Structures are given as C-alpha cells and as structure tokens.
N, C-alpha and C. Protein backbone atom coordinates (compact mmCIF):
# COMPACT_ATOMS: atom_id res chain seq x y z
N MET A 1 0.89 -1.01 0.08
CA MET A 1 -0.01 -0.13 0.08
C MET A 1 0.77 1.19 0.05
N GLN A 2 0.22 2.50 -0.59
CA GLN A 2 0.93 3.59 -0.79
C GLN A 2 0.35 4.60 -0.02
N THR A 3 0.98 5.68 0.28
CA THR A 3 0.23 6.92 0.91
C THR A 3 0.68 8.04 0.29
N MET A 4 -0.35 8.90 -0.09
CA MET A 4 0.22 10.00 -0.99
C MET A 4 -0.57 11.22 -0.51
N ALA A 5 -0.25 12.33 -0.60
CA ALA A 5 -1.16 13.40 -0.48
C ALA A 5 -1.64 14.00 -1.74
N ILE A 6 -2.68 14.43 -2.14
CA ILE A 6 -3.42 15.19 -3.38
C ILE A 6 -3.99 16.29 -3.07
N GLN A 7 -3.84 16.94 -3.92
CA GLN A 7 -4.93 18.28 -4.11
C GLN A 7 -5.93 18.08 -5.05
N ILE A 8 -6.79 18.76 -4.72
CA ILE A 8 -8.18 18.45 -5.70
C ILE A 8 -8.99 19.89 -5.96
N GLN A 9 -8.91 20.13 -7.00
CA GLN A 9 -9.88 21.35 -7.55
C GLN A 9 -11.04 21.40 -6.78
N ASP A 10 -11.65 22.38 -6.34
CA ASP A 10 -12.90 22.71 -5.56
C ASP A 10 -14.09 22.02 -6.44
N ASP A 11 -13.77 22.40 -7.70
CA ASP A 11 -15.00 22.07 -8.61
C ASP A 11 -14.87 20.49 -8.95
N TYR A 12 -14.06 19.83 -8.38
CA TYR A 12 -14.07 18.53 -8.80
C TYR A 12 -14.09 17.49 -7.61
N VAL A 13 -14.24 17.95 -6.66
CA VAL A 13 -14.11 17.19 -5.31
C VAL A 13 -15.39 16.25 -5.43
N ASN A 14 -16.53 16.54 -5.88
CA ASN A 14 -17.70 15.64 -6.12
C ASN A 14 -17.53 14.63 -6.94
N ASP A 15 -16.78 14.86 -7.98
CA ASP A 15 -16.64 13.67 -8.95
C ASP A 15 -15.35 12.69 -8.34
N PHE A 16 -14.49 13.54 -7.86
CA PHE A 16 -13.27 12.53 -7.07
C PHE A 16 -13.91 11.69 -6.14
N MET A 17 -14.87 12.47 -5.14
CA MET A 17 -15.45 11.44 -3.98
C MET A 17 -16.25 10.18 -4.77
N ASN A 18 -16.98 10.50 -5.55
CA ASN A 18 -17.67 9.49 -6.50
C ASN A 18 -16.74 8.42 -6.87
N TYR A 19 -15.74 8.65 -7.57
CA TYR A 19 -14.77 7.64 -8.08
C TYR A 19 -14.22 7.16 -6.88
N VAL A 20 -13.86 7.66 -5.70
CA VAL A 20 -13.34 6.96 -4.47
C VAL A 20 -14.53 6.27 -3.94
N ASN A 21 -15.78 6.59 -3.86
CA ASN A 21 -16.73 5.61 -3.35
C ASN A 21 -17.05 4.41 -4.21
N ASN A 22 -16.87 4.55 -5.76
CA ASN A 22 -16.71 3.41 -6.56
C ASN A 22 -15.76 2.46 -6.32
N HIS A 23 -14.56 2.84 -5.74
CA HIS A 23 -13.53 2.00 -5.87
C HIS A 23 -13.05 2.12 -4.07
N SER A 24 -13.99 1.80 -3.32
CA SER A 24 -13.70 2.16 -2.09
C SER A 24 -12.87 0.76 -1.38
N ASP A 25 -13.10 -0.45 -2.04
CA ASP A 25 -12.01 -1.44 -1.72
C ASP A 25 -10.71 -1.27 -1.82
N SER A 26 -10.04 -0.33 -2.76
CA SER A 26 -8.82 -0.09 -3.24
C SER A 26 -8.26 1.29 -2.58
N ILE A 27 -9.47 2.00 -2.24
CA ILE A 27 -8.72 3.46 -1.85
C ILE A 27 -9.47 3.93 -0.37
N THR A 28 -8.64 4.45 0.61
CA THR A 28 -8.97 4.69 1.84
C THR A 28 -8.77 6.23 1.95
N ILE A 29 -9.52 7.00 2.51
CA ILE A 29 -9.35 8.61 2.47
C ILE A 29 -9.20 8.70 4.17
N GLN A 30 -8.09 9.35 4.58
CA GLN A 30 -7.92 9.66 5.90
C GLN A 30 -7.41 11.25 6.02
N LYS A 31 -8.22 12.06 6.64
CA LYS A 31 -7.77 13.36 6.84
C LYS A 31 -6.55 13.58 7.80
N ASP A 32 -5.73 14.60 7.26
CA ASP A 32 -4.55 14.68 8.23
C ASP A 32 -4.85 15.79 9.08
N LYS A 33 -4.84 15.41 10.28
CA LYS A 33 -5.02 16.13 11.54
C LYS A 33 -4.31 17.32 11.55
N ASN A 34 -2.92 17.25 11.41
CA ASN A 34 -1.92 18.31 11.24
C ASN A 34 -2.57 19.48 10.32
N LEU A 35 -2.76 18.96 9.18
CA LEU A 35 -3.41 20.11 7.98
C LEU A 35 -4.82 20.57 8.54
N GLU A 36 -5.43 20.22 8.95
CA GLU A 36 -6.79 20.45 9.76
C GLU A 36 -6.58 21.63 10.78
N LEU A 37 -5.39 21.70 11.44
CA LEU A 37 -5.09 22.48 12.55
C LEU A 37 -4.21 23.66 11.90
N ASP A 38 -3.52 23.26 11.15
CA ASP A 38 -2.43 24.23 10.47
C ASP A 38 -2.14 23.99 9.06
N PRO A 39 -2.70 24.62 8.22
CA PRO A 39 -2.65 24.37 6.48
C PRO A 39 -1.11 24.43 6.13
N TYR A 40 -0.35 25.01 7.10
CA TYR A 40 1.10 25.12 6.50
C TYR A 40 1.88 24.28 7.58
N PHE A 41 1.28 23.50 8.03
CA PHE A 41 2.15 22.33 9.22
C PHE A 41 3.39 21.91 8.85
N TYR A 42 3.45 21.60 7.39
CA TYR A 42 4.48 20.50 6.84
C TYR A 42 5.63 21.70 6.34
N GLU A 43 5.10 22.90 6.03
CA GLU A 43 6.15 23.99 5.60
C GLU A 43 7.09 24.35 7.05
N ARG A 44 6.19 24.68 8.02
CA ARG A 44 6.60 25.15 9.37
C ARG A 44 7.55 24.05 9.59
N LYS A 45 7.20 22.78 9.61
CA LYS A 45 7.85 21.67 10.22
C LYS A 45 9.30 21.71 9.24
N ARG A 46 9.30 21.66 8.26
CA ARG A 46 10.52 21.68 7.45
C ARG A 46 11.55 23.01 7.82
N ASP A 47 10.92 24.13 7.96
CA ASP A 47 11.78 25.13 8.18
C ASP A 47 12.26 25.01 9.62
N LEU A 48 11.37 24.54 10.68
CA LEU A 48 11.91 24.45 12.04
C LEU A 48 13.04 23.45 12.14
N GLU A 49 12.91 22.08 11.22
CA GLU A 49 14.08 21.19 11.12
C GLU A 49 15.42 21.99 10.51
N GLN A 50 15.06 22.97 9.60
CA GLN A 50 16.37 23.46 9.06
C GLN A 50 16.97 24.34 9.95
N ILE A 51 16.20 25.27 10.64
CA ILE A 51 16.74 25.97 12.16
C ILE A 51 17.22 25.22 12.90
N ILE A 52 16.94 24.12 13.41
CA ILE A 52 17.68 23.20 14.38
C ILE A 52 18.85 22.83 13.59
N GLU A 53 18.88 22.05 12.42
CA GLU A 53 20.10 21.74 11.77
C GLU A 53 21.22 22.74 11.56
N ASP A 54 20.65 24.29 11.37
CA ASP A 54 21.94 25.30 11.32
C ASP A 54 22.23 25.67 12.61
N SER A 55 21.50 25.49 13.66
CA SER A 55 22.15 25.79 14.68
C SER A 55 22.89 24.85 15.49
N GLU A 56 22.62 23.38 14.99
CA GLU A 56 23.70 22.48 15.53
C GLU A 56 25.06 22.48 14.71
N ASN A 57 24.99 22.89 13.62
CA ASN A 57 26.12 22.81 12.93
C ASN A 57 27.01 24.16 12.88
N GLY A 58 26.34 25.18 13.66
CA GLY A 58 27.05 26.30 13.60
C GLY A 58 26.73 27.60 12.53
N THR A 59 25.98 27.13 11.64
CA THR A 59 25.56 28.04 10.84
C THR A 59 24.71 29.13 11.24
N MET A 60 23.85 29.05 12.27
CA MET A 60 23.20 30.13 12.93
C MET A 60 23.34 29.85 14.24
N GLU A 61 23.11 31.21 15.13
CA GLU A 61 23.47 31.13 16.38
C GLU A 61 21.99 31.38 17.24
N ILE A 62 21.88 30.69 18.13
CA ILE A 62 20.70 30.74 19.00
C ILE A 62 20.93 31.68 20.50
N LEU A 63 20.22 32.79 20.32
CA LEU A 63 20.41 33.59 21.54
C LEU A 63 20.01 32.86 22.76
N SER A 64 20.71 33.57 23.74
CA SER A 64 19.91 33.14 25.21
C SER A 64 18.84 34.34 25.43
N GLN A 65 17.99 34.18 26.25
CA GLN A 65 16.88 35.51 26.39
C GLN A 65 17.79 36.62 26.76
N GLU A 66 18.72 36.44 27.65
CA GLU A 66 19.44 37.65 27.88
C GLU A 66 20.17 38.20 26.93
N GLN A 67 20.81 37.42 25.87
CA GLN A 67 21.51 37.88 24.70
C GLN A 67 20.39 38.61 23.81
N TYR A 68 19.24 38.08 23.66
CA TYR A 68 18.17 38.61 22.96
C TYR A 68 17.83 40.01 23.37
N GLU A 69 17.48 40.11 24.70
CA GLU A 69 17.05 41.59 25.21
C GLU A 69 18.37 42.54 25.02
N LYS A 70 19.60 42.12 25.08
CA LYS A 70 20.61 43.03 24.86
C LYS A 70 20.66 43.58 23.51
N GLU A 71 20.36 42.69 22.56
CA GLU A 71 20.70 42.90 21.16
C GLU A 71 19.47 43.81 20.85
N MET A 72 18.30 43.42 21.36
CA MET A 72 17.14 44.27 20.80
C MET A 72 17.12 45.66 21.48
N LYS A 73 17.67 45.93 22.62
CA LYS A 73 18.17 47.32 23.07
C LYS A 73 19.03 47.98 22.58
N ILE A 74 20.09 47.34 21.95
CA ILE A 74 20.82 48.00 21.21
C ILE A 74 20.27 48.11 19.76
N PHE A 75 19.69 47.44 19.07
CA PHE A 75 18.71 47.51 17.94
C PHE A 75 17.87 48.72 17.99
N PHE A 76 17.03 48.63 19.07
CA PHE A 76 16.03 50.07 19.14
C PHE A 76 16.58 51.33 19.40
N LYS A 77 17.94 51.24 20.25
CA LYS A 77 18.62 52.48 20.43
C LYS A 77 19.29 53.19 19.23
N ASP A 78 19.68 51.99 18.47
CA ASP A 78 20.21 52.35 17.11
C ASP A 78 19.01 52.98 16.07
N LEU A 79 18.02 52.63 16.32
CA LEU A 79 17.06 52.91 15.23
C LEU A 79 16.44 54.18 15.74
N ASN A 80 16.42 54.61 16.88
CA ASN A 80 15.86 55.60 17.48
C ASN A 80 16.86 56.49 17.06
N ALA A 81 18.30 56.42 17.12
CA ALA A 81 19.17 57.62 16.88
C ALA A 81 19.16 57.87 15.39
N ASN A 82 18.71 56.82 14.65
CA ASN A 82 18.77 57.24 13.15
C ASN A 82 17.31 57.90 12.64
N LEU A 83 16.61 58.20 13.48
CA LEU A 83 15.13 58.77 13.10
C LEU A 83 15.66 60.33 12.96
C-alpha cells in the first residue's frame, strides 16, 4: 500500500469522491489532522528542522533570552538614533 497527498480542485471534489466511493475497496481516505489544525504544518515543520540543523552545525546562532534582550536594546537604540 502507498500513502500520498493529493490536491483536488474545488469544482472536482464531488467527482473525485464519487470515484473513491466506487473504488472504496482499493482506496482509503483519511484526513491529516496536522493540516486541519494548520494548513502550513509541513512547511513550518521543514523550516523548524532547518533551523535546528543550522543551529547544531554552527551556521546559525541561537541567543539566550538575556543575549536577545541586549541585542534588541541596542537595535532600538540605534533605530531611534537614526530617526
């Protein structure tokens, strides 16, 4: 058995569901709970995995809360000075 994701044009959903119902012994449809909760779940997951990989291999630095607050103070101070 193979699992795949499909996209169906809105105006074709009824025809597709009729096809599936006529072949129900060979096709099972299961909604993806992740996509129901967040339509961009898999894109966000991929991006997060990339961030984790980048932080682990040293390509990206992860700041502590204290470092972040310092950086933001400096950023806003510079921003206000340039207004």
